[in-house]
N, C-alpha and C. Protein backbone atom coordinates (compact mmCIF):
# COMPACT_ATOMS: atom_id res chain seq x y z
N MET A 1 0.53 -1.06 -0.06
CA MET A 1 -0.07 0.09 -0.16
C MET A 1 0.67 0.92 0.20
N LEU A 2 1.53 1.42 0.97
CA LEU A 2 2.77 2.41 0.98
C LEU A 2 3.36 2.76 -0.23
N GLU A 3 3.82 1.27 -0.79
CA GLU A 3 4.83 1.98 -2.17
C GLU A 3 3.75 2.48 -3.25
N ASN A 4 2.72 2.06 -3.42
CA ASN A 4 1.58 2.64 -4.34
C ASN A 4 1.75 3.99 -4.20
N THR A 5 1.23 4.16 -2.69
CA THR A 5 0.93 5.41 -2.64
C THR A 5 2.43 6.34 -2.94
N LYS A 6 3.38 5.89 -2.54
CA LYS A 6 4.91 6.81 -3.36
C LYS A 6 4.62 6.75 -4.13
N LYS A 7 4.49 5.71 -4.89
CA LYS A 7 4.25 5.90 -6.97
C LYS A 7 3.38 7.39 -7.23
N LEU A 8 1.97 7.02 -6.67
CA LEU A 8 1.28 8.07 -6.75
C LEU A 8 1.45 9.67 -6.77
N ALA A 9 2.32 9.50 -5.68
CA ALA A 9 2.98 10.92 -5.19
C ALA A 9 4.02 11.38 -6.45
N GLY A 10 4.84 10.66 -6.49
CA GLY A 10 5.69 11.05 -7.38
C GLY A 10 5.65 11.23 -8.75
N ALA A 11 4.31 10.19 -9.50
CA ALA A 11 3.56 10.44 -10.42
C ALA A 11 3.29 11.99 -10.21
N TYR A 12 1.89 11.69 -9.29
CA TYR A 12 1.50 13.39 -9.55
C TYR A 12 2.90 14.30 -8.83
N SER A 13 3.61 14.66 -8.81
CA SER A 13 4.67 15.22 -8.60
C SER A 13 5.38 15.55 -9.57
N GLY A 14 5.92 14.97 -10.80
CA GLY A 14 5.87 14.94 -11.93
C GLY A 14 4.75 15.68 -12.92
N PHE A 15 3.76 15.23 -12.90
CA PHE A 15 2.58 15.71 -13.43
C PHE A 15 2.37 17.38 -12.90
N LEU A 16 2.31 17.78 -11.76
CA LEU A 16 2.27 19.45 -11.39
C LEU A 16 3.92 19.87 -11.67
N GLN A 17 5.31 19.27 -11.83
CA GLN A 17 5.93 19.87 -12.50
C GLN A 17 5.66 20.36 -14.43
N VAL A 18 4.99 18.97 -14.65
CA VAL A 18 4.83 19.65 -16.18
C VAL A 18 4.06 20.30 -16.59
N LYS A 19 3.10 20.80 -15.78
CA LYS A 19 1.83 21.20 -15.55
C LYS A 19 2.27 22.78 -15.77
N LYS A 20 3.63 22.94 -14.60
CA LYS A 20 3.66 24.21 -14.03
C LYS A 20 4.57 25.21 -15.28
N GLU A 21 5.25 24.21 -15.82
CA GLU A 21 6.09 24.42 -16.84
C GLU A 21 5.40 24.86 -18.07
N ALA A 22 4.28 23.95 -18.63
CA ALA A 22 3.60 24.81 -19.19
C ALA A 22 2.64 25.94 -19.25
N TRP A 23 2.30 26.28 -17.89
CA TRP A 23 1.90 27.68 -18.02
C TRP A 23 2.93 28.79 -18.20
N GLU A 24 4.16 28.22 -17.44
CA GLU A 24 5.34 29.33 -17.49
C GLU A 24 5.50 29.68 -18.99
N LYS A 25 5.42 28.20 -19.87
CA LYS A 25 5.55 28.69 -21.41
C LYS A 25 4.76 29.74 -22.11
N MET A 26 3.59 29.06 -22.11
CA MET A 26 2.03 30.21 -22.41
C MET A 26 2.32 31.46 -21.82
N LEU A 27 2.45 31.53 -20.84
CA LEU A 27 2.19 33.20 -20.28
C LEU A 27 3.65 33.98 -21.00
N LYS A 28 4.45 33.19 -20.89
CA LYS A 28 5.46 33.84 -21.42
C LYS A 28 5.73 34.14 -23.04
N ALA A 29 4.76 33.26 -23.75
CA ALA A 29 4.27 33.80 -25.16
C ALA A 29 3.38 34.77 -25.47
N LYS A 30 2.65 34.60 -24.13
CA LYS A 30 1.40 35.58 -24.08
C LYS A 30 2.14 37.09 -23.99
N GLU A 31 3.25 37.33 -23.01
CA GLU A 31 3.88 38.52 -23.02
C GLU A 31 4.36 39.10 -24.40
N ARG A 32 4.93 37.73 -24.88
CA ARG A 32 6.01 37.86 -26.40
C ARG A 32 4.94 38.96 -27.04
N ASP A 33 3.31 38.47 -27.27
CA ASP A 33 2.85 38.70 -28.44
C ASP A 33 1.81 39.90 -27.97
N ALA A 34 2.01 40.43 -26.59
CA ALA A 34 1.73 41.22 -26.29
C ALA A 34 2.49 43.19 -26.13
N GLU A 35 3.99 42.36 -26.33
CA GLU A 35 5.13 43.39 -26.57
C GLU A 35 5.37 43.74 -27.95
N ARG A 36 4.84 42.91 -28.60
CA ARG A 36 5.25 42.94 -30.39
C ARG A 36 3.88 43.75 -30.83
N LYS A 37 2.78 43.49 -30.16
CA LYS A 37 1.58 44.40 -30.80
C LYS A 37 1.58 45.59 -30.44
N LEU A 38 2.27 45.61 -28.65
CA LEU A 38 2.51 47.29 -28.90
C LEU A 38 3.42 48.45 -29.59
N LYS A 39 4.85 47.05 -29.87
CA LYS A 39 5.77 47.72 -31.01
C LYS A 39 4.93 48.16 -32.64
N GLU A 40 4.21 47.38 -32.78
CA GLU A 40 3.60 47.38 -33.93
C GLU A 40 2.76 48.89 -33.53
N GLN A 41 2.32 48.87 -32.67
CA GLN A 41 0.97 50.27 -32.27
C GLN A 41 1.69 51.11 -32.55
N ASN A 42 3.12 50.99 -31.46
CA ASN A 42 3.82 52.18 -31.92
C ASN A 42 4.51 52.68 -32.57
N GLY A 43 5.07 52.33 -33.53
CA GLY A 43 5.36 52.38 -34.83
C GLY A 43 7.08 51.93 -34.49
């Protein structure tokens, strides 16, 4: 039982790390897009 719990916790931790990295990438991409649009507006 304990081994299964450890495996599950490890898998969940890995899943959260991947999810966090995906969010960070998405936010950086949105930030870049916003900066590009600002530059285009300002000429």
